[in-house]
Amino acid sequence: MGTPTEAVREQLMAGNEQYRRLREEHARYKTQLSELSAKLRLSDEEQAEEVRLKKLKLRVKDQMEILVRQAQSVH
């Protein structure tokens, strides 16, 4: 059995379009970061892109957690 927070996330995935969009965006950033980290050496542009992607990924994660907290406060 999952934690109460996991249950809220599952409910949001099922019924909240904004949460689903954020989750997809987070996964996309994670994939792009994995592709960059697989390289032996990053160019200056790739290093800048890596920093940008990390910031975006974190921003999206924060937004997802706000939705989770809001949903938890309703229940």
C-alpha atoms as a PDB file:
ATOM      1  CA  MET A   1       0.000   0.000   0.000  1.00  0.00           C
ATOM      2  CA  GLY A   2       1.318   3.461  -0.898  1.00  0.00           C
ATOM      3  CA  THR A   3       1.632   6.438   1.362  1.00  0.00           C
ATOM      4  CA  PRO A   4      -1.176   8.997   1.630  1.00  0.00           C
ATOM      5  CA  THR A   5       0.903  11.396  -0.475  1.00  0.00           C
ATOM      6  CA  GLU A   6       1.280   8.776  -3.205  1.00  0.00           C
ATOM      7  CA  ALA A   7      -2.483   8.265  -3.161  1.00  0.00           C
ATOM      8  CA  VAL A   8      -3.021  12.012  -3.625  1.00  0.00           C
ATOM      9  CA  ARG A   9      -0.567  12.033  -6.541  1.00  0.00           C
ATOM     10  CA  GLU A  10      -2.442   9.149  -8.160  1.00  0.00           C
ATOM     11  CA  GLN A  11      -5.737  11.007  -7.732  1.00  0.00           C
ATOM     12  CA  LEU A  12      -4.230  14.126  -9.265  1.00  0.00           C
ATOM     13  CA  MET A  13      -2.877  12.121 -12.213  1.00  0.00           C
ATOM     14  CA  ALA A  14      -6.356  10.733 -12.792  1.00  0.00           C
ATOM     15  CA  GLY A  15      -8.293  13.947 -12.455  1.00  0.00           C
ATOM     16  CA  ASN A  16      -6.121  17.049 -12.712  1.00  0.00           C
ATOM     17  CA  GLU A  17      -4.970  18.118 -16.170  1.00  0.00           C
ATOM     18  CA  GLN A  18      -2.505  20.661 -14.797  1.00  0.00           C
ATOM     19  CA  TYR A  19      -0.801  18.017 -12.629  1.00  0.00           C
ATOM     20  CA  ARG A  20      -0.595  15.594 -15.580  1.00  0.00           C
ATOM     21  CA  ARG A  21       0.910  18.296 -17.783  1.00  0.00           C
ATOM     22  CA  LEU A  22       3.469  19.175 -15.101  1.00  0.00           C
ATOM     23  CA  ARG A  23       4.343  15.510 -14.601  1.00  0.00           C
ATOM     24  CA  GLU A  24       4.907  15.052 -18.334  1.00  0.00           C
ATOM     25  CA  GLU A  25       7.025  18.196 -18.444  1.00  0.00           C
ATOM     26  CA  HIS A  26       9.081  16.962 -15.462  1.00  0.00           C
ATOM     27  CA  ALA A  27       9.654  13.607 -17.181  1.00  0.00           C
ATOM     28  CA  ARG A  28      10.734  15.364 -20.386  1.00  0.00           C
ATOM     29  CA  TYR A  29      13.300  17.463 -18.495  1.00  0.00           C
ATOM     30  CA  LYS A  30      14.539  14.360 -16.685  1.00  0.00           C
ATOM     31  CA  THR A  31      15.035  12.554 -20.007  1.00  0.00           C
ATOM     32  CA  GLN A  32      16.884  15.507 -21.526  1.00  0.00           C
ATOM     33  CA  LEU A  33      19.145  15.729 -18.468  1.00  0.00           C
ATOM     34  CA  SER A  34      19.867  11.998 -18.679  1.00  0.00           C
ATOM     35  CA  GLU A  35      20.870  12.402 -22.303  1.00  0.00           C
ATOM     36  CA  LEU A  36      23.251  15.208 -21.396  1.00  0.00           C
ATOM     37  CA  SER A  37      24.753  13.337 -18.452  1.00  0.00           C
ATOM     38  CA  ALA A  38      25.471  10.359 -20.704  1.00  0.00           C
ATOM     39  CA  LYS A  39      27.973  12.466 -22.646  1.00  0.00           C
ATOM     40  CA  LEU A  40      31.619  12.341 -21.639  1.00  0.00           C
ATOM     41  CA  ARG A  41      32.096  16.060 -22.071  1.00  0.00           C
ATOM     42  CA  LEU A  42      29.639  18.890 -22.432  1.00  0.00           C
ATOM     43  CA  SER A  43      30.179  21.950 -24.570  1.00  0.00           C
ATOM     44  CA  ASP A  44      29.624  25.369 -23.018  1.00  0.00           C
ATOM     45  CA  GLU A  45      26.182  25.469 -24.619  1.00  0.00           C
ATOM     46  CA  GLU A  46      25.328  22.019 -23.276  1.00  0.00           C
ATOM     47  CA  GLN A  47      26.485  23.002 -19.790  1.00  0.00           C
ATOM     48  CA  ALA A  48      24.247  26.058 -19.912  1.00  0.00           C
ATOM     49  CA  GLU A  49      21.374  23.896 -21.154  1.00  0.00           C
ATOM     50  CA  GLU A  50      21.961  21.451 -18.306  1.00  0.00           C
ATOM     51  CA  VAL A  51      21.702  24.258 -15.743  1.00  0.00           C
ATOM     52  CA  ARG A  52      18.571  25.603 -17.441  1.00  0.00           C
ATOM     53  CA  LEU A  53      16.932  22.167 -17.498  1.00  0.00           C
ATOM     54  CA  LYS A  54      17.727  21.537 -13.827  1.00  0.00           C
ATOM     55  CA  LYS A  55      16.106  24.834 -12.863  1.00  0.00           C
ATOM     56  CA  LEU A  56      13.041  24.119 -14.990  1.00  0.00           C
ATOM     57  CA  LYS A  57      12.732  20.598 -13.595  1.00  0.00           C
ATOM     58  CA  LEU A  58      12.906  21.907 -10.040  1.00  0.00           C
ATOM     59  CA  ARG A  59      10.343  24.637 -10.765  1.00  0.00           C
ATOM     60  CA  VAL A  60       7.932  22.060 -12.178  1.00  0.00           C
ATOM     61  CA  LYS A  61       8.483  19.737  -9.216  1.00  0.00           C
ATOM     62  CA  ASP A  62       7.727  22.612  -6.836  1.00  0.00           C
ATOM     63  CA  GLN A  63       4.504  23.363  -8.737  1.00  0.00           C
ATOM     64  CA  MET A  64       3.495  19.701  -8.545  1.00  0.00           C
ATOM     65  CA  GLU A  65       4.108  19.645  -4.801  1.00  0.00           C
ATOM     66  CA  ILE A  66       1.961  22.759  -4.355  1.00  0.00           C
ATOM     67  CA  LEU A  67      -0.906  20.927  -6.064  1.00  0.00           C
ATOM     68  CA  VAL A  68      -0.343  17.886  -3.826  1.00  0.00           C
ATOM     69  CA  ARG A  69      -0.406  20.035  -0.673  1.00  0.00           C
ATOM     70  CA  GLN A  70      -3.545  21.818  -1.855  1.00  0.00           C
ATOM     71  CA  ALA A  71      -5.259  18.484  -2.538  1.00  0.00           C
ATOM     72  CA  GLN A  72      -4.210  17.152   0.872  1.00  0.00           C
ATOM     73  CA  SER A  73      -5.638  20.189   2.638  1.00  0.00           C
ATOM     74  CA  VAL A  74      -9.004  19.620   0.956  1.00  0.00           C
ATOM     75  CA  HIS A  75      -9.252  16.041   2.241  1.00  0.00           C
END
